[in-house]
Protein backbone atom coordinates (compact mmCIF):
# COMPACT_ATOMS: atom_id res chain seq x y z
CA MET A 1 -6.25 1.56 -24.66
CA SER A 2 -8.29 1.39 -21.42
CA VAL A 3 -11.20 0.71 -20.74
CA THR A 4 -14.12 1.73 -17.20
CA ILE A 5 -15.48 -0.76 -16.27
CA SER A 6 -17.60 -1.18 -12.84
CA ILE A 7 -17.45 -4.06 -10.79
CA LYS A 8 -18.78 -5.29 -7.40
CA THR A 9 -15.64 -6.91 -4.95
CA ARG A 10 -15.66 -8.01 -1.24
CA LYS A 11 -14.98 -5.30 0.85
CA GLU A 12 -11.67 -7.27 1.99
CA VAL A 13 -10.78 -6.13 -2.01
CA VAL A 14 -11.41 -3.40 -1.59
CA ASP A 15 -9.47 -2.89 1.44
CA LEU A 16 -6.92 -4.39 0.11
CA ALA A 17 -6.33 -2.14 -2.62
CA ASP A 18 -6.62 1.34 -0.98
CA ARG A 19 -3.64 0.04 0.54
CA MET A 20 -1.57 -0.40 -1.75
CA VAL A 21 -2.32 2.77 -2.31
CA LYS A 22 -1.36 4.84 1.20
CA TYR A 23 1.46 1.69 0.06
CA GLY A 24 2.80 3.50 -2.79
CA ILE A 25 2.03 -0.05 -4.19
CA ALA A 26 -0.19 1.58 -6.11
CA LYS A 27 -0.88 4.89 -8.14
CA SER A 28 -4.54 4.84 -7.58
CA ARG A 29 -6.87 2.82 -6.73
CA SER A 30 -8.00 1.77 -10.39
CA HIS A 31 -4.16 1.04 -10.43
CA ALA A 32 -4.50 -0.99 -7.90
CA PHE A 33 -7.47 -2.81 -8.60
CA ASN A 34 -4.83 -4.04 -12.39
CA ILE A 35 -1.89 -4.96 -10.59
CA LEU A 36 -4.25 -7.06 -8.55
CA ILE A 37 -5.44 -8.53 -11.76
CA GLU A 38 -2.28 -9.16 -13.29
CA LYS A 39 -0.36 -10.89 -10.03
CA GLY A 40 -3.30 -12.71 -8.83
CA ILE A 41 -4.19 -11.17 -5.07
CA GLY A 42 -2.12 -13.79 -3.82
CA GLY A 43 0.75 -11.87 -4.90
CA VAL A 44 -0.06 -9.47 -3.80
CA ILE A 45 -1.68 -9.65 -0.56
CA ASP A 46 2.32 -10.61 0.61
CA GLU A 47 3.47 -7.26 0.00
CA VAL A 48 0.60 -4.87 1.28
CA ARG A 49 1.13 -7.01 4.71
CA LEU A 50 5.37 -6.26 4.78
CA TRP A 51 4.38 -3.08 4.61
CA ASP A 52 1.69 -3.48 7.26
CA ARG A 53 3.96 -4.35 9.34
CA VAL A 54 7.21 -1.58 9.14
CA TYR A 55 3.94 1.26 9.03
CA GLU A 56 2.97 -0.32 12.53
CA LYS A 57 6.83 -0.87 13.50
CA ALA A 58 7.79 2.89 13.01
CA GLU A 59 4.91 3.78 14.42
CA GLU A 60 5.38 1.94 17.63
CA PHE A 61 8.97 3.66 17.56
CA GLU A 62 8.00 7.05 17.94
CA ALA A 63 5.22 5.54 20.39
CA LYS A 64 8.76 4.94 22.51
CA GLY A 65 9.97 8.32 22.30
CA TYR A 66 12.24 7.43 18.78
CA GLU A 67 12.30 10.09 16.52
CA LEU A 68 12.30 8.84 13.11
CA LYS A 69 14.49 12.11 11.29
CA HIS A 70 14.89 13.27 7.10
CA GLY A 71 15.91 10.99 5.33
CA SER A 72 14.82 7.73 7.72
CA LEU A 73 11.78 5.87 6.77
CA TRP A 74 9.09 7.77 7.80
CA LYS A 75 10.79 9.83 4.58
CA ILE A 76 10.04 7.41 2.72
CA LEU A 77 6.09 6.01 3.98
CA GLU A 78 5.28 9.86 3.35
CA GLU A 79 7.37 9.94 -0.39
CA GLY A 80 5.50 6.45 -1.30
CA ARG A 81 7.40 4.59 -4.03
CA ILE A 82 5.61 4.59 -7.18
CA GLU A 83 8.71 6.30 -9.66
């Protein structure tokens, strides 16, 4: 059973939750906060940092003229990872 609550938190935590949604770690901001509560912030930060680096490298490759084609990293990134 889900219960709706309102909380105040640091902007850094909200930014982390938003990046979790962007990278497909969570389906929504609410889902991201549930994961953060269950795993703890330390358990999530490393995974989000990994995806930060993946996106940065993919953008670097594109800027250098590499084309990320169908079935490649961009497809994985665009589709997300939530099952």
